[in-house]
C-alpha cells in the first residue's frame, strides 16, 4: 500500500488549473489539501498553480491568494 506523502508539490496533471473566481480556486485547493498560489493573469483569467510552478511563467500575473495546506499532495482521498 502506498504511504501518504507530505510535500509541497501537486500531481503534475493538477499543477495548474483555471477558475472563474479567487474563491472557487481557493476552495478547490483547500478541500483537496493542495498548497499553491491563485493568480490573476494579464487577460483577467484566474489560475491556481502548485508551489513548484516556475515563478515568472505567467509574466505580469498578480498574486490573489496563497494557500498553505498540510499534506497537500495526498490525492488518494
Protein backbone atom coordinates (compact mmCIF):
# COMPACT_ATOMS: atom_id res chain seq x y z
CA UNK A 1 0.00 0.00 0.00
CA UNK A 2 1.28 3.44 -0.92
CA UNK A 3 2.12 5.62 2.06
CA UNK A 4 0.89 9.20 2.33
CA UNK A 5 3.43 11.77 1.31
CA UNK A 6 3.69 15.28 2.62
CA UNK A 7 5.45 17.81 0.44
CA UNK A 8 4.72 21.00 -1.44
CA UNK A 9 4.16 19.58 -4.93
CA UNK A 10 0.92 18.85 -6.71
CA UNK A 11 0.45 15.93 -9.02
CA UNK A 12 1.85 17.24 -12.32
CA UNK A 13 -1.55 16.87 -14.01
CA UNK A 14 -3.08 19.17 -11.41
CA UNK A 15 -0.32 21.75 -11.18
CA UNK A 16 -2.24 24.47 -12.99
CA UNK A 17 -6.00 24.82 -13.23
CA UNK A 18 -8.25 27.66 -14.43
CA UNK A 19 -11.10 29.03 -12.29
CA UNK A 20 -13.81 31.64 -12.62
CA UNK A 21 -13.04 33.28 -9.25
CA UNK A 22 -10.45 33.51 -6.49
CA UNK A 23 -12.97 31.98 -4.08
CA UNK A 24 -13.54 28.94 -6.31
CA UNK A 25 -9.79 28.40 -6.75
CA UNK A 26 -9.07 28.76 -3.03
CA UNK A 27 -11.90 26.41 -2.02
CA UNK A 28 -10.77 23.81 -4.56
CA UNK A 29 -7.22 23.88 -3.21
CA UNK A 30 -8.25 23.84 0.46
CA UNK A 31 -10.73 20.96 0.12
CA UNK A 32 -8.09 18.88 -1.64
CA UNK A 33 -5.33 19.97 0.72
CA UNK A 34 -3.28 21.45 -2.13
CA UNK A 35 -0.80 24.21 -1.39
CA UNK A 36 -0.20 26.82 -4.03
CA UNK A 37 -0.95 30.24 -5.40
CA UNK A 38 -4.00 31.77 -7.03
CA UNK A 39 -3.03 34.15 -9.83
CA UNK A 40 -4.86 36.66 -11.98
CA UNK A 41 -3.31 36.55 -15.43
CA UNK A 42 -2.88 39.56 -17.71
CA UNK A 43 -6.02 38.57 -19.64
CA UNK A 44 -8.06 38.68 -16.39
CA UNK A 45 -8.40 34.91 -16.04
CA UNK A 46 -7.84 33.19 -12.68
CA UNK A 47 -5.33 30.31 -12.42
CA UNK A 48 -4.38 28.14 -9.44
CA UNK A 49 -0.81 26.85 -9.58
CA UNK A 50 1.20 24.48 -7.41
CA UNK A 51 4.09 25.70 -5.22
CA UNK A 52 6.74 24.48 -7.66
CA UNK A 53 5.30 26.34 -10.64
CA UNK A 54 8.12 28.43 -12.07
CA UNK A 55 7.95 32.00 -10.83
CA UNK A 56 7.60 34.28 -13.82
CA UNK A 57 5.99 31.60 -16.02
CA UNK A 58 2.98 33.92 -16.24
CA UNK A 59 4.61 37.31 -16.80
CA UNK A 60 2.54 40.13 -15.35
CA UNK A 61 0.42 37.80 -13.20
CA UNK A 62 -0.93 39.24 -9.97
CA UNK A 63 -0.96 37.06 -6.82
CA UNK A 64 -4.50 36.96 -5.43
CA UNK A 65 -4.10 34.31 -2.72
CA UNK A 66 -1.54 31.99 -1.20
CA UNK A 67 -2.83 28.64 0.10
CA UNK A 68 -0.80 26.56 2.53
CA UNK A 69 -2.04 23.05 3.19
CA UNK A 70 -0.70 20.23 5.30
CA UNK A 71 -0.29 17.02 3.28
CA UNK A 72 -1.01 18.99 0.14
CA UNK A 73 -0.28 16.15 -2.26
CA UNK A 74 -2.21 13.24 -0.83
CA UNK A 75 -4.53 12.68 -3.79
CA UNK A 76 -5.68 9.25 -2.59
CA UNK A 77 -8.76 10.77 -0.93
